[in-house]
Amino acid sequence: MRIVRAVAPWLAIALLALILLPARWGGFLGITLVSGESMEPTMVTGDVAFTLKRPDYAVGDVIVYHPTDIESNALVIHRVIEALPDGTYVTQGDNRDSADEWLPTTA
């Protein structure tokens, strides 16, 4: 019993660290600060979005992704408007008239 009491806190800390590990580092949790007007009125500059990485997404889901042709660490937070058979997603900001040029994947 003494060993269990000694090890239990460390196991709890390890489990919490695994749960809170950012998605960019292989975890499931994402925290994104919204900047810009493309998702207004749903989200506005200064909002904080908490996201969970999933194996796939459905039309209507809001996702965060890194466009492949942008060299910065910029992220896009937009809504899925179509899931394509090849595993890519068509996205669009709620305050935009046309779809994004990028086709993100679950990766």
PDB file of N, CA and C in Angstrom:
ATOM      1  N   MET A   1       0.824  -1.198   0.000  1.00  0.00           N
ATOM      2  CA  MET A   1       0.000   0.000   0.000  1.00  0.00           C
ATOM      3  C   MET A   1       0.866   1.258   0.000  1.00  0.00           C
ATOM      4  N   ARG A   2       1.984   1.202   0.674  1.00  0.00           N
ATOM      5  CA  ARG A   2       2.883   2.337   0.746  1.00  0.00           C
ATOM      6  C   ARG A   2       3.418   2.706  -0.639  1.00  0.00           C
ATOM      7  N   ILE A   3       3.697   1.704  -1.439  1.00  0.00           N
ATOM      8  CA  ILE A   3       4.200   1.934  -2.796  1.00  0.00           C
ATOM      9  C   ILE A   3       3.122   2.604  -3.647  1.00  0.00           C
ATOM     10  N   VAL A   4       1.875   2.144  -3.517  1.00  0.00           N
ATOM     11  CA  VAL A   4       0.773   2.726  -4.284  1.00  0.00           C
ATOM     12  C   VAL A   4       0.627   4.202  -3.943  1.00  0.00           C
ATOM     13  N   ARG A   5       0.680   4.523  -2.653  1.00  0.00           N
ATOM     14  CA  ARG A   5       0.562   5.931  -2.240  1.00  0.00           C
ATOM     15  C   ARG A   5       1.728   6.778  -2.734  1.00  0.00           C
ATOM     16  N   ALA A   6       2.889   6.183  -2.862  1.00  0.00           N
ATOM     17  CA  ALA A   6       4.055   6.926  -3.334  1.00  0.00           C
ATOM     18  C   ALA A   6       4.012   7.134  -4.847  1.00  0.00           C
ATOM     19  N   VAL A   7       3.486   6.164  -5.570  1.00  0.00           N
ATOM     20  CA  VAL A   7       3.495   6.210  -7.032  1.00  0.00           C
ATOM     21  C   VAL A   7       2.258   6.918  -7.596  1.00  0.00           C
ATOM     22  N   ALA A   8       1.141   6.846  -6.909  1.00  0.00           N
ATOM     23  CA  ALA A   8      -0.124   7.395  -7.419  1.00  0.00           C
ATOM     24  C   ALA A   8      -0.027   8.863  -7.829  1.00  0.00           C
ATOM     25  N   PRO A   9       0.564   9.750  -7.028  1.00  0.00           N
ATOM     26  CA  PRO A   9       0.650  11.152  -7.469  1.00  0.00           C
ATOM     27  C   PRO A   9       1.444  11.324  -8.767  1.00  0.00           C
ATOM     28  N   TRP A  10       2.512  10.560  -8.919  1.00  0.00           N
ATOM     29  CA  TRP A  10       3.320  10.651 -10.136  1.00  0.00           C
ATOM     30  C   TRP A  10       2.553  10.135 -11.354  1.00  0.00           C
ATOM     31  N   LEU A  11       1.786   9.101 -11.168  1.00  0.00           N
ATOM     32  CA  LEU A  11       0.954   8.594 -12.265  1.00  0.00           C
ATOM     33  C   LEU A  11      -0.119   9.607 -12.642  1.00  0.00           C
ATOM     34  N   ALA A  12      -0.696  10.254 -11.656  1.00  0.00           N
ATOM     35  CA  ALA A  12      -1.706  11.275 -11.925  1.00  0.00           C
ATOM     36  C   ALA A  12      -1.097  12.450 -12.687  1.00  0.00           C
ATOM     37  N   ILE A  13       0.091  12.867 -12.309  1.00  0.00           N
ATOM     38  CA  ILE A  13       0.774  13.960 -13.006  1.00  0.00           C
ATOM     39  C   ILE A  13       1.097  13.557 -14.443  1.00  0.00           C
ATOM     40  N   ALA A  14       1.574  12.341 -14.639  1.00  0.00           N
ATOM     41  CA  ALA A  14       1.889  11.862 -15.989  1.00  0.00           C
ATOM     42  C   ALA A  14       0.637  11.790 -16.854  1.00  0.00           C
ATOM     43  N   LEU A  15      -0.462  11.320 -16.288  1.00  0.00           N
ATOM     44  CA  LEU A  15      -1.719  11.242 -17.034  1.00  0.00           C
ATOM     45  C   LEU A  15      -2.224  12.638 -17.393  1.00  0.00           C
ATOM     46  N   LEU A  16      -2.160  13.555 -16.474  1.00  0.00           N
ATOM     47  CA  LEU A  16      -2.583  14.930 -16.731  1.00  0.00           C
ATOM     48  C   LEU A  16      -1.713  15.564 -17.816  1.00  0.00           C
ATOM     49  N   ALA A  17      -0.411  15.334 -17.760  1.00  0.00           N
ATOM     50  CA  ALA A  17       0.492  15.877 -18.783  1.00  0.00           C
ATOM     51  C   ALA A  17       0.159  15.299 -20.154  1.00  0.00           C
ATOM     52  N   LEU A  18      -0.171  14.018 -20.208  1.00  0.00           N
ATOM     53  CA  LEU A  18      -0.530  13.378 -21.475  1.00  0.00           C
ATOM     54  C   LEU A  18      -1.829  13.963 -22.024  1.00  0.00           C
ATOM     55  N   ILE A  19      -2.795  14.182 -21.168  1.00  0.00           N
ATOM     56  CA  ILE A  19      -4.080  14.751 -21.593  1.00  0.00           C
ATOM     57  C   ILE A  19      -3.902  16.179 -22.086  1.00  0.00           C
ATOM     58  N   LEU A  20      -3.068  16.957 -21.409  1.00  0.00           N
ATOM     59  CA  LEU A  20      -2.885  18.362 -21.740  1.00  0.00           C
ATOM     60  C   LEU A  20      -1.791  18.621 -22.781  1.00  0.00           C
ATOM     61  N   LEU A  21      -1.139  17.566 -23.258  1.00  0.00           N
ATOM     62  CA  LEU A  21      -0.096  17.716 -24.268  1.00  0.00           C
ATOM     63  C   LEU A  21      -0.693  18.350 -25.517  1.00  0.00           C
ATOM     64  N   PRO A  22      -0.131  19.454 -25.983  1.00  0.00           N
ATOM     65  CA  PRO A  22      -0.699  20.125 -27.155  1.00  0.00           C
ATOM     66  C   PRO A  22      -0.739  19.233 -28.389  1.00  0.00           C
ATOM     67  N   ALA A  23      -1.747  19.442 -29.221  1.00  0.00           N
ATOM     68  CA  ALA A  23      -1.909  18.647 -30.435  1.00  0.00           C
ATOM     69  C   ALA A  23      -0.689  18.773 -31.339  1.00  0.00           C
ATOM     70  N   ARG A  24      -0.068  19.921 -31.365  1.00  0.00           N
ATOM     71  CA  ARG A  24       1.128  20.109 -32.201  1.00  0.00           C
ATOM     72  C   ARG A  24       2.267  19.197 -31.784  1.00  0.00           C
ATOM     73  N   TRP A  25       2.245  18.708 -30.555  1.00  0.00           N
ATOM     74  CA  TRP A  25       3.307  17.828 -30.054  1.00  0.00           C
ATOM     75  C   TRP A  25       2.821  16.399 -29.892  1.00  0.00           C
ATOM     76  N   GLY A  26       1.734  16.067 -30.564  1.00  0.00           N
ATOM     77  CA  GLY A  26       1.240  14.694 -30.528  1.00  0.00           C
ATOM     78  C   GLY A  26       0.090  14.461 -29.575  1.00  0.00           C
ATOM     79  N   GLY A  27      -0.330  15.466 -28.854  1.00  0.00           N
ATOM     80  CA  GLY A  27      -1.448  15.325 -27.924  1.00  0.00           C
ATOM     81  C   GLY A  27      -2.782  15.564 -28.611  1.00  0.00           C
ATOM     82  N   PHE A  28      -3.806  15.795 -27.826  1.00  0.00           N
ATOM     83  CA  PHE A  28      -5.152  15.968 -28.342  1.00  0.00           C
ATOM     84  C   PHE A  28      -5.706  17.376 -28.148  1.00  0.00           C
ATOM     85  N   LEU A  29      -5.125  18.135 -27.249  1.00  0.00           N
ATOM     86  CA  LEU A  29      -5.662  19.440 -26.878  1.00  0.00           C
ATOM     87  C   LEU A  29      -5.013  20.555 -27.684  1.00  0.00           C
ATOM     88  N   GLY A  30      -5.834  21.485 -28.157  1.00  0.00           N
ATOM     89  CA  GLY A  30      -5.325  22.666 -28.830  1.00  0.00           C
ATOM     90  C   GLY A  30      -5.922  23.907 -28.196  1.00  0.00           C
ATOM     91  N   ILE A  31      -5.130  24.935 -28.086  1.00  0.00           N
ATOM     92  CA  ILE A  31      -5.598  26.218 -27.574  1.00  0.00           C
ATOM     93  C   ILE A  31      -5.180  27.265 -28.596  1.00  0.00           C
ATOM     94  N   THR A  32      -6.160  27.967 -29.157  1.00  0.00           N
ATOM     95  CA  THR A  32      -5.883  28.923 -30.222  1.00  0.00           C
ATOM     96  C   THR A  32      -6.491  30.272 -29.868  1.00  0.00           C
ATOM     97  N   LEU A  33      -5.703  31.313 -30.002  1.00  0.00           N
ATOM     98  CA  LEU A  33      -6.182  32.673 -29.809  1.00  0.00           C
ATOM     99  C   LEU A  33      -6.696  33.174 -31.152  1.00  0.00           C
ATOM    100  N   VAL A  34      -7.946  33.564 -31.194  1.00  0.00           N
ATOM    101  CA  VAL A  34      -8.575  34.011 -32.434  1.00  0.00           C
ATOM    102  C   VAL A  34      -8.103  35.426 -32.768  1.00  0.00           C
ATOM    103  N   SER A  35      -7.754  35.607 -34.044  1.00  0.00           N
ATOM    104  CA  SER A  35      -7.322  36.912 -34.529  1.00  0.00           C
ATOM    105  C   SER A  35      -7.900  37.106 -35.923  1.00  0.00           C
ATOM    106  N   GLY A  36      -8.587  38.189 -36.131  1.00  0.00           N
ATOM    107  CA  GLY A  36      -9.170  38.452 -37.441  1.00  0.00           C
ATOM    108  C   GLY A  36     -10.681  38.418 -37.393  1.00  0.00           C
ATOM    109  N   GLU A  37     -11.279  38.659 -38.550  1.00  0.00           N
ATOM    110  CA  GLU A  37     -12.732  38.783 -38.619  1.00  0.00           C
ATOM    111  C   GLU A  37     -13.407  37.671 -39.403  1.00  0.00           C
ATOM    112  N   SER A  38     -12.656  36.703 -39.885  1.00  0.00           N
ATOM    113  CA  SER A  38     -13.237  35.698 -40.781  1.00  0.00           C
ATOM    114  C   SER A  38     -14.265  34.791 -40.120  1.00  0.00           C
ATOM    115  N   MET A  39     -14.256  34.679 -38.790  1.00  0.00           N
ATOM    116  CA  MET A  39     -15.226  33.813 -38.108  1.00  0.00           C
ATOM    117  C   MET A  39     -16.306  34.605 -37.370  1.00  0.00           C
ATOM    118  N   GLU A  40     -16.342  35.930 -37.566  1.00  0.00           N
ATOM    119  CA  GLU A  40     -17.383  36.727 -36.920  1.00  0.00           C
ATOM    120  C   GLU A  40     -18.751  36.373 -37.485  1.00  0.00           C
ATOM    121  N   PRO A  41     -19.795  36.385 -36.737  1.00  0.00           N
ATOM    122  CA  PRO A  41     -19.915  36.768 -35.330  1.00  0.00           C
ATOM    123  C   PRO A  41     -19.678  35.600 -34.367  1.00  0.00           C
ATOM    124  N   THR A  42     -19.414  34.404 -34.897  1.00  0.00           N
ATOM    125  CA  THR A  42     -19.216  33.236 -34.029  1.00  0.00           C
ATOM    126  C   THR A  42     -18.036  33.422 -33.095  1.00  0.00           C
ATOM    127  N   MET A  43     -16.919  33.879 -33.652  1.00  0.00           N
ATOM    128  CA  MET A  43     -15.698  34.119 -32.886  1.00  0.00           C
ATOM    129  C   MET A  43     -15.148  35.470 -33.289  1.00  0.00           C
ATOM    130  N   VAL A  44     -14.615  36.194 -32.314  1.00  0.00           N
ATOM    131  CA  VAL A  44     -14.044  37.508 -32.579  1.00  0.00           C
ATOM    132  C   VAL A  44     -12.613  37.557 -32.056  1.00  0.00           C
ATOM    133  N   THR A  45     -11.865  38.536 -32.540  1.00  0.00           N
ATOM    134  CA  THR A  45     -10.484  38.697 -32.097  1.00  0.00           C
ATOM    135  C   THR A  45     -10.420  38.743 -30.572  1.00  0.00           C
ATOM    136  N   GLY A  46      -9.506  37.956 -30.030  1.00  0.00           N
ATOM    137  CA  GLY A  46      -9.341  37.880 -28.576  1.00  0.00           C
ATOM    138  C   GLY A  46      -9.994  36.664 -27.957  1.00  0.00           C
ATOM    139  N   ASP A  47     -10.919  36.025 -28.671  1.00  0.00           N
ATOM    140  CA  ASP A  47     -11.512  34.789 -28.156  1.00  0.00           C
ATOM    141  C   ASP A  47     -10.444  33.709 -28.079  1.00  0.00           C
ATOM    142  N   VAL A  48     -10.619  32.794 -27.150  1.00  0.00           N
ATOM    143  CA  VAL A  48      -9.736  31.646 -27.031  1.00  0.00           C
ATOM    144  C   VAL A  48     -10.549  30.405 -27.382  1.00  0.00           C
ATOM    145  N   ALA A  49     -10.042  29.622 -28.328  1.00  0.00           N
ATOM    146  CA  ALA A  49     -10.723  28.397 -28.756  1.00  0.00           C
ATOM    147  C   ALA A  49      -9.957  27.191 -28.228  1.00  0.00           C
ATOM    148  N   PHE A  50     -10.650  26.327 -27.511  1.00  0.00           N
ATOM    149  CA  PHE A  50     -10.082  25.070 -27.044  1.00  0.00           C
ATOM    150  C   PHE A  50     -10.554  23.983 -27.997  1.00  0.00           C
ATOM    151  N   THR A  51      -9.633  23.222 -28.546  1.00  0.00           N
ATOM    152  CA  THR A  51      -9.976  22.208 -29.540  1.00  0.00           C
ATOM    153  C   THR A  51      -9.451  20.846 -29.121  1.00  0.00           C
ATOM    154  N   LEU A  52     -10.096  19.814 -29.622  1.00  0.00           N
ATOM    155  CA  LEU A  52      -9.658  18.446 -29.407  1.00  0.00           C
ATOM    156  C   LEU A  52      -9.401  17.788 -30.752  1.00  0.00           C
ATOM    157  N   LYS A  53      -8.227  17.202 -30.902  1.00  0.00           N
ATOM    158  CA  LYS A  53      -7.892  16.506 -32.139  1.00  0.00           C
ATOM    159  C   LYS A  53      -8.724  15.230 -32.218  1.00  0.00           C
ATOM    160  N   ARG A  54      -9.314  15.001 -33.402  1.00  0.00           N
ATOM    161  CA  ARG A  54     -10.164  13.827 -33.609  1.00  0.00           C
ATOM    162  C   ARG A  54      -9.711  13.094 -34.864  1.00  0.00           C
ATOM    163  N   PRO A  55     -10.125  11.851 -35.031  1.00  0.00           N
ATOM    164  CA  PRO A  55      -9.713  11.102 -36.226  1.00  0.00           C
ATOM    165  C   PRO A  55     -10.374  11.603 -37.507  1.00  0.00           C
ATOM    166  N   ASP A  56     -11.512  12.262 -37.383  1.00  0.00           N
ATOM    167  CA  ASP A  56     -12.157  12.868 -38.547  1.00  0.00           C
ATOM    168  C   ASP A  56     -13.115  13.954 -38.085  1.00  0.00           C
ATOM    169  N   TYR A  57     -13.582  14.750 -39.056  1.00  0.00           N
ATOM    170  CA  TYR A  57     -14.442  15.881 -38.742  1.00  0.00           C
ATOM    171  C   TYR A  57     -15.659  15.860 -39.654  1.00  0.00           C
ATOM    172  N   ALA A  58     -16.714  16.512 -39.224  1.00  0.00           N
ATOM    173  CA  ALA A  58     -17.968  16.528 -39.979  1.00  0.00           C
ATOM    174  C   ALA A  58     -18.271  17.945 -40.443  1.00  0.00           C
ATOM    175  N   VAL A  59     -19.129  18.046 -41.439  1.00  0.00           N
ATOM    176  CA  VAL A  59     -19.582  19.344 -41.911  1.00  0.00           C
ATOM    177  C   VAL A  59     -20.193  20.094 -40.723  1.00  0.00           C
ATOM    178  N   GLY A  60     -19.790  21.340 -40.565  1.00  0.00           N
ATOM    179  CA  GLY A  60     -20.264  22.159 -39.449  1.00  0.00           C
ATOM    180  C   GLY A  60     -19.258  22.285 -38.321  1.00  0.00           C
ATOM    181  N   ASP A  61     -18.306  21.348 -38.233  1.00  0.00           N
ATOM    182  CA  ASP A  61     -17.275  21.436 -37.204  1.00  0.00           C
ATOM    183  C   ASP A  61     -16.356  22.613 -37.486  1.00  0.00           C
ATOM    184  N   VAL A  62     -15.885  23.262 -36.430  1.00  0.00           N
ATOM    185  CA  VAL A  62     -14.869  24.306 -36.566  1.00  0.00           C
ATOM    186  C   VAL A  62     -13.535  23.643 -36.264  1.00  0.00           C
ATOM    187  N   ILE A  63     -12.583  23.797 -37.188  1.00  0.00           N
ATOM    188  CA  ILE A  63     -11.268  23.171 -37.023  1.00  0.00           C
ATOM    189  C   ILE A  63     -10.170  24.227 -37.080  1.00  0.00           C
ATOM    190  N   VAL A  64      -9.024  23.854 -36.547  1.00  0.00           N
ATOM    191  CA  VAL A  64      -7.831  24.695 -36.600  1.00  0.00           C
ATOM    192  C   VAL A  64      -6.781  23.919 -37.371  1.00  0.00           C
ATOM    193  N   TYR A  65      -6.172  24.562 -38.365  1.00  0.00           N
ATOM    194  CA  TYR A  65      -5.151  23.873 -39.148  1.00  0.00           C
ATOM    195  C   TYR A  65      -4.071  24.844 -39.602  1.00  0.00           C
ATOM    196  N   HIS A  66      -2.947  24.270 -39.987  1.00  0.00           N
ATOM    197  CA  HIS A  66      -1.816  25.033 -40.501  1.00  0.00           C
ATOM    198  C   HIS A  66      -1.785  24.858 -42.012  1.00  0.00           C
ATOM    199  N   PRO A  67      -2.036  25.920 -42.779  1.00  0.00           N
ATOM    200  CA  PRO A  67      -1.981  25.801 -44.237  1.00  0.00           C
ATOM    201  C   PRO A  67      -0.594  25.365 -44.700  1.00  0.00           C
ATOM    202  N   THR A  68      -0.549  24.436 -45.625  1.00  0.00           N
ATOM    203  CA  THR A  68       0.725  23.843 -46.046  1.00  0.00           C
ATOM    204  C   THR A  68       1.625  24.811 -46.804  1.00  0.00           C
ATOM    205  N   ASP A  69       1.080  25.803 -47.463  1.00  0.00           N
ATOM    206  CA  ASP A  69       1.921  26.694 -48.266  1.00  0.00           C
ATOM    207  C   ASP A  69       2.326  27.975 -47.535  1.00  0.00           C
ATOM    208  N   ILE A  70       2.073  28.042 -46.255  1.00  0.00           N
ATOM    209  CA  ILE A  70       2.462  29.205 -45.463  1.00  0.00           C
ATOM    210  C   ILE A  70       3.645  28.805 -44.589  1.00  0.00           C
ATOM    211  N   GLU A  71       4.736  29.555 -44.685  1.00  0.00           N
ATOM    212  CA  GLU A  71       5.957  29.196 -43.966  1.00  0.00           C
ATOM    213  C   GLU A  71       5.949  29.621 -42.503  1.00  0.00           C
ATOM    214  N   SER A  72       5.056  30.497 -42.122  1.00  0.00           N
ATOM    215  CA  SER A  72       4.998  30.937 -40.729  1.00  0.00           C
ATOM    216  C   SER A  72       4.267  29.893 -39.889  1.00  0.00           C
ATOM    217  N   ASN A  73       4.117  30.174 -38.619  1.00  0.00           N
ATOM    218  CA  ASN A  73       3.371  29.294 -37.722  1.00  0.00           C
ATOM    219  C   ASN A  73       1.895  29.656 -37.682  1.00  0.00           C
ATOM    220  N   ALA A  74       1.440  30.434 -38.671  1.00  0.00           N
ATOM    221  CA  ALA A  74       0.047  30.878 -38.706  1.00  0.00           C
ATOM    222  C   ALA A  74      -0.904  29.689 -38.761  1.00  0.00           C
ATOM    223  N   LEU A  75      -1.997  29.822 -38.048  1.00  0.00           N
ATOM    224  CA  LEU A  75      -3.044  28.805 -38.046  1.00  0.00           C
ATOM    225  C   LEU A  75      -4.326  29.431 -38.575  1.00  0.00           C
ATOM    226  N   VAL A  76      -5.172  28.606 -39.152  1.00  0.00           N
ATOM    227  CA  VAL A  76      -6.480  29.047 -39.635  1.00  0.00           C
ATOM    228  C   VAL A  76      -7.532  28.332 -38.805  1.00  0.00           C
ATOM    229  N   ILE A  77      -8.523  29.064 -38.338  1.00  0.00           N
ATOM    230  CA  ILE A  77      -9.646  28.469 -37.619  1.00  0.00           C
ATOM    231  C   ILE A  77     -10.909  28.784 -38.420  1.00  0.00           C
ATOM    232  N   HIS A  78     -11.416  27.751 -39.118  1.00  0.00           N
ATOM    233  CA  HIS A  78     -12.584  27.905 -39.981  1.00  0.00           C
ATOM    234  C   HIS A  78     -13.484  26.684 -39.864  1.00  0.00           C
ATOM    235  N   ARG A  79     -14.658  26.806 -40.450  1.00  0.00           N
ATOM    236  CA  ARG A  79     -15.669  25.763 -40.372  1.00  0.00           C
ATOM    237  C   ARG A  79     -15.564  24.816 -41.567  1.00  0.00           C
ATOM    238  N   VAL A  80     -15.751  23.512 -41.305  1.00  0.00           N
ATOM    239  CA  VAL A  80     -15.784  22.522 -42.375  1.00  0.00           C
ATOM    240  C   VAL A  80     -17.116  22.671 -43.117  1.00  0.00           C
ATOM    241  N   ILE A  81     -17.015  22.868 -44.450  1.00  0.00           N
ATOM    242  CA  ILE A  81     -18.243  22.967 -45.238  1.00  0.00           C
ATOM    243  C   ILE A  81     -18.432  21.751 -46.140  1.00  0.00           C
ATOM    244  N   GLU A  82     -17.358  20.933 -46.267  1.00  0.00           N
ATOM    245  CA  GLU A  82     -17.474  19.710 -47.050  1.00  0.00           C
ATOM    246  C   GLU A  82     -16.325  18.776 -46.687  1.00  0.00           C
ATOM    247  N   ALA A  83     -16.647  17.499 -46.501  1.00  0.00           N
ATOM    248  CA  ALA A  83     -15.642  16.464 -46.278  1.00  0.00           C
ATOM    249  C   ALA A  83     -15.512  15.689 -47.586  1.00  0.00           C
ATOM    250  N   LEU A  84     -14.318  15.706 -48.171  1.00  0.00           N
ATOM    251  CA  LEU A  84     -14.096  15.064 -49.464  1.00  0.00           C
ATOM    252  C   LEU A  84     -13.704  13.600 -49.296  1.00  0.00           C
ATOM    253  N   PRO A  85     -13.983  12.756 -50.293  1.00  0.00           N
ATOM    254  CA  PRO A  85     -13.675  11.323 -50.193  1.00  0.00           C
ATOM    255  C   PRO A  85     -12.189  11.015 -49.987  1.00  0.00           C
ATOM    256  N   ASP A  86     -11.312  11.917 -50.415  1.00  0.00           N
ATOM    257  CA  ASP A  86      -9.873  11.659 -50.269  1.00  0.00           C
ATOM    258  C   ASP A  86      -9.344  11.989 -48.871  1.00  0.00           C
ATOM    259  N   GLY A  87     -10.232  12.356 -47.941  1.00  0.00           N
ATOM    260  CA  GLY A  87      -9.823  12.641 -46.567  1.00  0.00           C
ATOM    261  C   GLY A  87      -9.463  14.092 -46.310  1.00  0.00           C
ATOM    262  N   THR A  88      -9.663  14.952 -47.293  1.00  0.00           N
ATOM    263  CA  THR A  88      -9.420  16.381 -47.089  1.00  0.00           C
ATOM    264  C   THR A  88     -10.735  17.084 -46.791  1.00  0.00           C
ATOM    265  N   TYR A  89     -10.614  18.314 -46.321  1.00  0.00           N
ATOM    266  CA  TYR A  89     -11.793  19.079 -45.923  1.00  0.00           C
ATOM    267  C   TYR A  89     -11.798  20.431 -46.623  1.00  0.00           C
ATOM    268  N   VAL A  90     -12.970  20.853 -47.048  1.00  0.00           N
ATOM    269  CA  VAL A  90     -13.158  22.195 -47.578  1.00  0.00           C
ATOM    270  C   VAL A  90     -13.638  23.038 -46.405  1.00  0.00           C
ATOM    271  N   THR A  91     -12.970  24.166 -46.189  1.00  0.00           N
ATOM    272  CA  THR A  91     -13.313  25.024 -45.047  1.00  0.00           C
ATOM    273  C   THR A  91     -13.631  26.431 -45.521  1.00  0.00           C
ATOM    274  N   GLN A  92     -14.317  27.151 -44.650  1.00  0.00           N
ATOM    275  CA  GLN A  92     -14.686  28.529 -44.959  1.00  0.00           C
ATOM    276  C   GLN A  92     -14.955  29.258 -43.654  1.00  0.00           C
ATOM    277  N   GLY A  93     -14.528  30.490 -43.582  1.00  0.00           N
ATOM    278  CA  GLY A  93     -14.844  31.316 -42.429  1.00  0.00           C
ATOM    279  C   GLY A  93     -16.311  31.701 -42.448  1.00  0.00           C
ATOM    280  N   ASP A  94     -16.920  31.817 -41.286  1.00  0.00           N
ATOM    281  CA  ASP A  94     -18.338  32.172 -41.195  1.00  0.00           C
ATOM    282  C   ASP A  94     -18.627  33.541 -41.810  1.00  0.00           C
ATOM    283  N   ASN A  95     -17.623  34.403 -41.856  1.00  0.00           N
ATOM    284  CA  ASN A  95     -17.788  35.757 -42.375  1.00  0.00           C
ATOM    285  C   ASN A  95     -17.178  35.891 -43.770  1.00  0.00           C
ATOM    286  N   ARG A  96     -17.080  34.788 -44.500  1.00  0.00           N
ATOM    287  CA  ARG A  96     -16.501  34.791 -45.840  1.00  0.00           C
ATOM    288  C   ARG A  96     -17.535  34.308 -46.858  1.00  0.00           C
ATOM    289  N   ASP A  97     -17.386  34.772 -48.098  1.00  0.00           N
ATOM    290  CA  ASP A  97     -18.310  34.396 -49.178  1.00  0.00           C
ATOM    291  C   ASP A  97     -17.825  33.202 -49.986  1.00  0.00           C
ATOM    292  N   SER A  98     -16.564  32.808 -49.814  1.00  0.00           N
ATOM    293  CA  SER A  98     -16.043  31.693 -50.592  1.00  0.00           C
ATOM    294  C   SER A  98     -15.190  30.776 -49.719  1.00  0.00           C
ATOM    295  N   ALA A  99     -15.005  29.567 -50.221  1.00  0.00           N
ATOM    296  CA  ALA A  99     -14.231  28.554 -49.492  1.00  0.00           C
ATOM    297  C   ALA A  99     -12.747  28.916 -49.499  1.00  0.00           C
ATOM    298  N   ASP A 100     -12.027  28.370 -48.528  1.00  0.00           N
ATOM    299  CA  ASP A 100     -10.578  28.565 -48.454  1.00  0.00           C
ATOM    300  C   ASP A 100      -9.903  27.846 -49.619  1.00  0.00           C
ATOM    301  N   GLU A 101      -8.716  28.315 -49.964  1.00  0.00           N
ATOM    302  CA  GLU A 101      -7.947  27.676 -51.025  1.00  0.00           C
ATOM    303  C   GLU A 101      -7.246  26.410 -50.543  1.00  0.00           C
ATOM    304  N   TRP A 102      -7.090  26.275 -49.244  1.00  0.00           N
ATOM    305  CA  TRP A 102      -6.385  25.124 -48.684  1.00  0.00           C
ATOM    306  C   TRP A 102      -7.355  23.987 -48.422  1.00  0.00           C
ATOM    307  N   LEU A 103      -6.859  22.754 -48.495  1.00  0.00           N
ATOM    308  CA  LEU A 103      -7.650  21.564 -48.189  1.00  0.00           C
ATOM    309  C   LEU A 103      -6.951  20.797 -47.071  1.00  0.00           C
ATOM    310  N   PRO A 104      -7.254  21.136 -45.830  1.00  0.00           N
ATOM    311  CA  PRO A 104      -6.575  20.461 -44.712  1.00  0.00           C
ATOM    312  C   PRO A 104      -7.000  18.994 -44.598  1.00  0.00           C
ATOM    313  N   THR A 105      -6.155  18.236 -43.923  1.00  0.00           N
ATOM    314  CA  THR A 105      -6.440  16.835 -43.613  1.00  0.00           C
ATOM    315  C   THR A 105      -6.462  16.675 -42.103  1.00  0.00           C
ATOM    316  N   THR A 106      -6.784  15.497 -41.611  1.00  0.00           N
ATOM    317  CA  THR A 106      -6.743  15.278 -40.167  1.00  0.00           C
ATOM    318  C   THR A 106      -5.318  15.306 -39.634  1.00  0.00           C
ATOM    319  N   ALA A 107      -4.347  15.116 -40.493  1.00  0.00           N
ATOM    320  CA  ALA A 107      -2.935  15.178 -40.060  1.00  0.00           C
ATOM    321  C   ALA A 107      -2.587  16.590 -39.653  1.00  0.00           C
TER     322      ALA A 107
END
